[in-house]
Amino acid sequence: MEETGGAGSTAYGASLAGGSFDFQKFAKQPQTIVRFLSWIFSIVVFACITAEGFINRPNSSEVHCVFNQNDSVCHYAVGIGVIAFLACCGFFLLDAYLPLMSNAQERKYAVMADLGFSGVWTFLWFVCFCVLASQWGRTEHVSAIPKDAARATIAFSFFSIATWGILTYFALGRYRLGLTDVAKNYMEPPLEPHTPYPATYAPAAYVPTTYSPYPTGAPDNYLQPPFAPIDAPIAAPVAQPQGEYQPPSY
């Protein structure tokens, strides 16, 4: 499995966007090496069948597949090999561009595409190997058939099962790693447990304070007589009878 940094520095098995492309580091990745082997094996399979997979009998001009004269087997192997060759080229570019993707959702789709295609092609290569081996065992008159090309096709079909299976394992690991990274980066922090106030910060009991509406002992300034001339004598207040109102005299 390829090296990864911490949860905050990677996403889906690749470093975060912002850096430059490092070809030497990319070429040394295990996934790149295995994909290159898959690319070579696919070339061998369809090249062997295309070059020496169809021959004609001595008394006939019509060509047939060397695998028990079953043309469908040869066409199937060529189709699987050609598509695998093109897919490896595409995933090479995708692996190189993956660290430059700034969107985690785009990286997720890229890794899921790699995982799905690698898993399907692992199965298809297994079917191809079983069919080629079965038809080769039923082939008659193998003396006039290029046996090396037929055996190479069967062998490299088997090797392709292993390489594409490893690619599936790598893609699955990157997908799981991406889910873990996203969960760690975007998960909300847990709430702190409730702790009671310390004794030094506990609020004191409320003690009501009694306020007097008027201050005691203060002079009553509200019963002063009205303004009078400075040189006029101040008249003494006249007691009024309690039963009758009398206007004040100035």
Protein backbone atom coordinates (compact mmCIF):
# COMPACT_ATOMS: atom_id res chain seq x y z
CA MET A 1 0.00 0.00 0.00
CA GLU A 2 1.32 3.41 -0.82
CA GLU A 3 2.58 5.70 1.85
CA THR A 4 0.28 8.31 3.19
CA GLY A 5 0.62 11.12 5.61
CA GLY A 6 -1.65 12.12 8.39
CA ALA A 7 -5.37 12.42 8.14
CA GLY A 8 -5.15 16.13 7.48
CA SER A 9 -2.53 15.88 4.71
CA THR A 10 -4.07 13.26 2.42
CA ALA A 11 -7.38 12.50 0.76
CA TYR A 12 -8.12 9.14 -0.91
CA GLY A 13 -4.49 8.08 -0.75
CA ALA A 14 -3.04 11.18 -2.43
CA SER A 15 -1.55 14.35 -1.00
CA LEU A 16 -3.67 17.44 -0.89
CA ALA A 17 -3.78 19.72 -3.92
CA GLY A 18 -1.35 22.57 -4.23
CA GLY A 19 1.94 20.80 -4.88
CA SER A 20 3.70 20.09 -8.15
CA PHE A 21 3.68 16.74 -9.94
CA ASP A 22 6.61 14.52 -8.91
CA PHE A 23 7.22 12.00 -11.70
CA GLN A 24 9.86 10.07 -9.75
CA LYS A 25 7.56 9.58 -6.79
CA PHE A 26 4.68 8.66 -9.11
CA ALA A 27 6.78 6.07 -10.96
CA LYS A 28 7.85 4.40 -7.70
CA GLN A 29 4.33 3.94 -6.38
CA PRO A 30 3.32 0.25 -6.12
CA GLN A 31 0.05 0.98 -7.90
CA THR A 32 1.89 2.52 -10.85
CA ILE A 33 4.24 -0.47 -11.13
CA VAL A 34 1.43 -3.02 -11.04
CA ARG A 35 -0.59 -1.04 -13.56
CA PHE A 36 2.41 -0.94 -15.87
CA LEU A 37 2.68 -4.74 -15.64
CA SER A 38 -1.02 -5.05 -16.46
CA TRP A 39 -0.46 -2.82 -19.46
CA ILE A 40 2.41 -5.06 -20.69
CA PHE A 41 0.44 -8.28 -20.13
CA SER A 42 -2.52 -6.99 -22.11
CA ILE A 43 -0.22 -6.17 -25.04
CA VAL A 44 1.21 -9.69 -24.99
CA VAL A 45 -2.22 -11.31 -24.99
CA PHE A 46 -3.79 -9.48 -27.91
CA ALA A 47 -0.51 -9.31 -29.86
CA CYS A 48 0.02 -13.07 -29.71
CA ILE A 49 -3.50 -13.79 -30.89
CA THR A 50 -3.44 -11.09 -33.56
CA ALA A 51 -0.11 -12.26 -34.96
CA GLU A 52 -0.33 -16.05 -34.60
CA GLY A 53 -3.74 -16.82 -33.19
CA PHE A 54 -5.45 -17.55 -36.51
CA ILE A 55 -4.16 -20.20 -38.91
CA ASN A 56 -5.59 -22.27 -41.75
CA ARG A 57 -5.44 -25.98 -42.27
CA PRO A 58 -3.22 -27.41 -45.01
CA ASN A 59 -6.21 -28.35 -47.15
CA SER A 60 -8.21 -25.15 -46.52
CA SER A 61 -7.70 -21.45 -47.11
CA GLU A 62 -10.07 -20.39 -44.33
CA VAL A 63 -8.36 -19.32 -41.12
CA HIS A 64 -9.56 -20.37 -37.67
CA CYS A 65 -8.55 -19.70 -34.09
CA VAL A 66 -5.77 -21.93 -32.79
CA PHE A 67 -7.79 -22.67 -29.66
CA ASN A 68 -9.89 -25.59 -30.91
CA GLN A 69 -10.88 -23.53 -33.99
CA ASN A 70 -13.19 -21.50 -31.79
CA ASP A 71 -13.06 -18.00 -33.22
CA SER A 72 -15.16 -16.58 -30.37
CA VAL A 73 -12.42 -17.43 -27.87
CA CYS A 74 -9.79 -15.52 -29.83
CA HIS A 75 -12.07 -12.53 -30.36
CA TYR A 76 -12.93 -12.47 -26.66
CA ALA A 77 -9.26 -12.51 -25.62
CA VAL A 78 -8.35 -9.79 -28.11
CA GLY A 79 -11.24 -7.59 -26.95
CA ILE A 80 -10.35 -8.00 -23.27
CA GLY A 81 -6.70 -7.27 -23.98
CA VAL A 82 -7.31 -4.16 -26.09
CA ILE A 83 -9.77 -2.64 -23.61
CA ALA A 84 -7.37 -3.40 -20.74
CA PHE A 85 -4.57 -1.70 -22.66
CA LEU A 86 -6.62 1.45 -23.24
CA ALA A 87 -7.92 1.44 -19.66
CA CYS A 88 -4.39 1.28 -18.26
CA CYS A 89 -3.43 4.32 -20.33
CA GLY A 90 -6.44 6.21 -19.01
CA PHE A 91 -5.84 5.26 -15.39
CA PHE A 92 -2.19 6.25 -15.70
CA LEU A 93 -3.34 9.78 -16.47
CA LEU A 94 -5.98 9.64 -13.75
CA ASP A 95 -3.45 8.54 -11.12
CA ALA A 96 -1.14 11.38 -12.14
CA TYR A 97 -3.94 13.94 -12.02
CA LEU A 98 -5.46 12.70 -8.73
CA PRO A 99 -3.14 14.72 -6.42
CA LEU A 100 -4.03 17.86 -8.37
CA MET A 101 -7.76 17.49 -7.69
CA SER A 102 -8.85 19.96 -5.03
CA ASN A 103 -12.36 18.54 -4.67
CA ALA A 104 -12.64 15.49 -2.42
CA GLN A 105 -15.83 14.40 -4.20
CA GLU A 106 -14.00 14.26 -7.56
CA ARG A 107 -11.29 12.13 -5.99
CA LYS A 108 -13.93 9.81 -4.61
CA TYR A 109 -15.46 9.29 -8.06
CA ALA A 110 -12.02 8.66 -9.59
CA VAL A 111 -11.14 6.03 -6.98
CA MET A 112 -14.56 4.41 -7.32
CA ALA A 113 -14.11 4.18 -11.10
CA ASP A 114 -10.72 2.53 -10.60
CA LEU A 115 -12.17 0.13 -8.04
CA GLY A 116 -15.13 -0.86 -10.19
CA PHE A 117 -13.21 -1.31 -13.43
CA SER A 118 -10.35 -3.24 -11.78
CA GLY A 119 -12.78 -5.60 -10.07
CA VAL A 120 -14.72 -6.28 -13.27
CA TRP A 121 -11.57 -6.85 -15.32
CA THR A 122 -10.17 -9.23 -12.72
CA PHE A 123 -13.24 -11.38 -13.24
CA LEU A 124 -13.12 -11.08 -17.04
CA TRP A 125 -9.45 -12.10 -17.13
CA PHE A 126 -10.31 -15.11 -14.98
CA VAL A 127 -13.01 -16.12 -17.47
CA CYS A 128 -10.57 -15.56 -20.34
CA PHE A 129 -7.93 -17.78 -18.74
CA CYS A 130 -10.41 -20.58 -18.03
CA VAL A 131 -11.80 -20.50 -21.57
CA LEU A 132 -8.36 -20.41 -23.23
CA ALA A 133 -7.03 -23.26 -21.09
CA SER A 134 -10.16 -25.34 -21.68
CA GLN A 135 -10.14 -24.85 -25.46
CA TRP A 136 -6.42 -25.46 -25.70
CA GLY A 137 -6.85 -28.78 -23.93
CA ARG A 138 -9.42 -29.80 -26.56
CA THR A 139 -7.36 -28.68 -29.53
CA GLU A 140 -6.32 -31.43 -31.95
CA HIS A 141 -3.39 -31.54 -34.36
CA VAL A 142 -1.28 -29.11 -32.35
CA SER A 143 1.82 -29.97 -34.40
CA ALA A 144 0.95 -27.33 -37.02
CA ILE A 145 -0.01 -24.72 -34.43
CA PRO A 146 2.43 -22.12 -32.99
CA LYS A 147 2.38 -23.57 -29.49
CA ASP A 148 4.55 -20.87 -27.93
CA ALA A 149 2.13 -18.10 -28.83
CA ALA A 150 -0.85 -20.08 -27.54
CA ARG A 151 0.87 -20.92 -24.27
CA ALA A 152 2.04 -17.33 -23.82
CA THR A 153 -1.53 -16.14 -24.28
CA ILE A 154 -2.76 -18.52 -21.58
CA ALA A 155 0.11 -17.65 -19.20
CA PHE A 156 -0.23 -13.89 -19.48
CA SER A 157 -4.00 -14.16 -19.10
CA PHE A 158 -3.32 -15.83 -15.76
CA PHE A 159 -0.79 -13.14 -14.81
CA SER A 160 -3.37 -10.49 -15.66
CA ILE A 161 -5.74 -11.98 -13.09
CA ALA A 162 -3.11 -11.37 -10.40
CA THR A 163 -2.20 -7.85 -11.47
CA TRP A 164 -5.76 -6.65 -11.85
CA GLY A 165 -6.65 -8.27 -8.53
CA ILE A 166 -3.84 -6.31 -6.87
CA LEU A 167 -5.09 -3.12 -8.52
CA THR A 168 -8.53 -3.85 -7.09
CA TYR A 169 -7.00 -4.26 -3.65
CA PHE A 170 -5.11 -0.96 -3.95
CA ALA A 171 -8.22 0.88 -5.12
CA LEU A 172 -10.26 -0.57 -2.25
CA GLY A 173 -7.60 0.55 0.22
CA ARG A 174 -7.60 4.07 -1.21
CA TYR A 175 -11.38 4.23 -1.04
CA ARG A 176 -11.45 3.16 2.62
CA LEU A 177 -8.62 5.53 3.45
CA GLY A 178 -10.52 8.37 1.80
CA LEU A 179 -13.63 7.70 3.86
CA THR A 180 -11.53 7.72 7.03
CA ASP A 181 -9.81 10.99 6.05
CA VAL A 182 -13.08 12.72 5.27
CA ALA A 183 -14.62 11.52 8.53
CA LYS A 184 -11.67 12.85 10.54
CA ASN A 185 -11.47 16.19 8.73
CA TYR A 186 -15.16 17.06 8.67
CA MET A 187 -16.58 15.42 11.79
CA GLU A 188 -17.79 17.94 14.38
CA PRO A 189 -15.83 17.96 17.65
CA PRO A 190 -17.57 16.16 20.50
CA LEU A 191 -19.36 18.26 23.07
CA GLU A 192 -17.49 18.78 26.32
CA PRO A 193 -19.02 17.03 29.33
CA HIS A 194 -20.88 19.31 31.71
CA THR A 195 -18.79 20.24 34.73
CA PRO A 196 -20.17 22.06 37.78
CA TYR A 197 -18.86 25.49 38.67
CA PRO A 198 -15.85 25.53 41.01
CA ALA A 199 -16.48 26.50 44.57
CA THR A 200 -14.65 29.80 44.13
CA TYR A 201 -16.95 30.79 41.25
CA ALA A 202 -20.23 29.63 42.75
CA PRO A 203 -22.77 32.51 42.84
CA ALA A 204 -23.54 33.80 46.33
CA ALA A 205 -27.04 33.72 47.74
CA TYR A 206 -29.10 36.77 46.87
CA VAL A 207 -29.68 39.12 49.83
CA PRO A 208 -32.27 41.84 49.19
CA THR A 209 -31.27 45.39 50.16
CA THR A 210 -33.76 47.70 51.88
CA TYR A 211 -33.85 51.23 50.50
CA SER A 212 -35.55 54.21 52.22
CA PRO A 213 -37.65 56.31 49.84
CA TYR A 214 -36.57 59.55 51.49
CA PRO A 215 -33.39 60.29 53.37
CA THR A 216 -33.91 60.90 57.07
CA GLY A 217 -32.68 64.12 58.68
CA ALA A 218 -32.45 66.06 55.44
CA PRO A 219 -33.98 69.53 55.26
CA ASP A 220 -37.30 69.84 53.50
CA ASN A 221 -36.61 72.09 50.54
CA TYR A 222 -40.00 71.67 48.98
CA LEU A 223 -41.86 74.01 51.46
CA GLN A 224 -39.87 77.17 50.80
CA PRO A 225 -41.93 80.36 50.32
CA PRO A 226 -42.23 81.85 46.85
CA PHE A 227 -39.66 84.31 45.57
CA ALA A 228 -39.85 87.85 47.05
CA PRO A 229 -37.90 91.07 46.46
CA ILE A 230 -34.57 91.20 48.19
CA ASP A 231 -35.40 94.37 50.22
CA ALA A 232 -38.90 93.25 51.18
CA PRO A 233 -39.30 91.80 54.61
CA ILE A 234 -40.23 88.22 54.77
CA ALA A 235 -43.70 87.85 56.23
CA ALA A 236 -44.16 85.37 58.94
CA PRO A 237 -46.42 82.51 58.07
CA VAL A 238 -49.96 82.98 59.33
CA ALA A 239 -51.69 80.03 60.81
CA GLN A 240 -54.80 79.21 58.86
CA PRO A 241 -57.87 77.79 60.38
CA GLN A 242 -58.31 74.24 59.48
CA GLY A 243 -61.85 74.47 58.28
CA GLU A 244 -61.49 77.36 55.73
CA TYR A 245 -59.04 78.02 52.92
CA GLN A 246 -57.43 81.47 52.92
CA PRO A 247 -55.15 82.69 50.13
CA PRO A 248 -51.66 83.63 51.28
CA SER A 249 -50.82 87.34 51.73
CA TYR A 250 -47.72 88.79 50.02
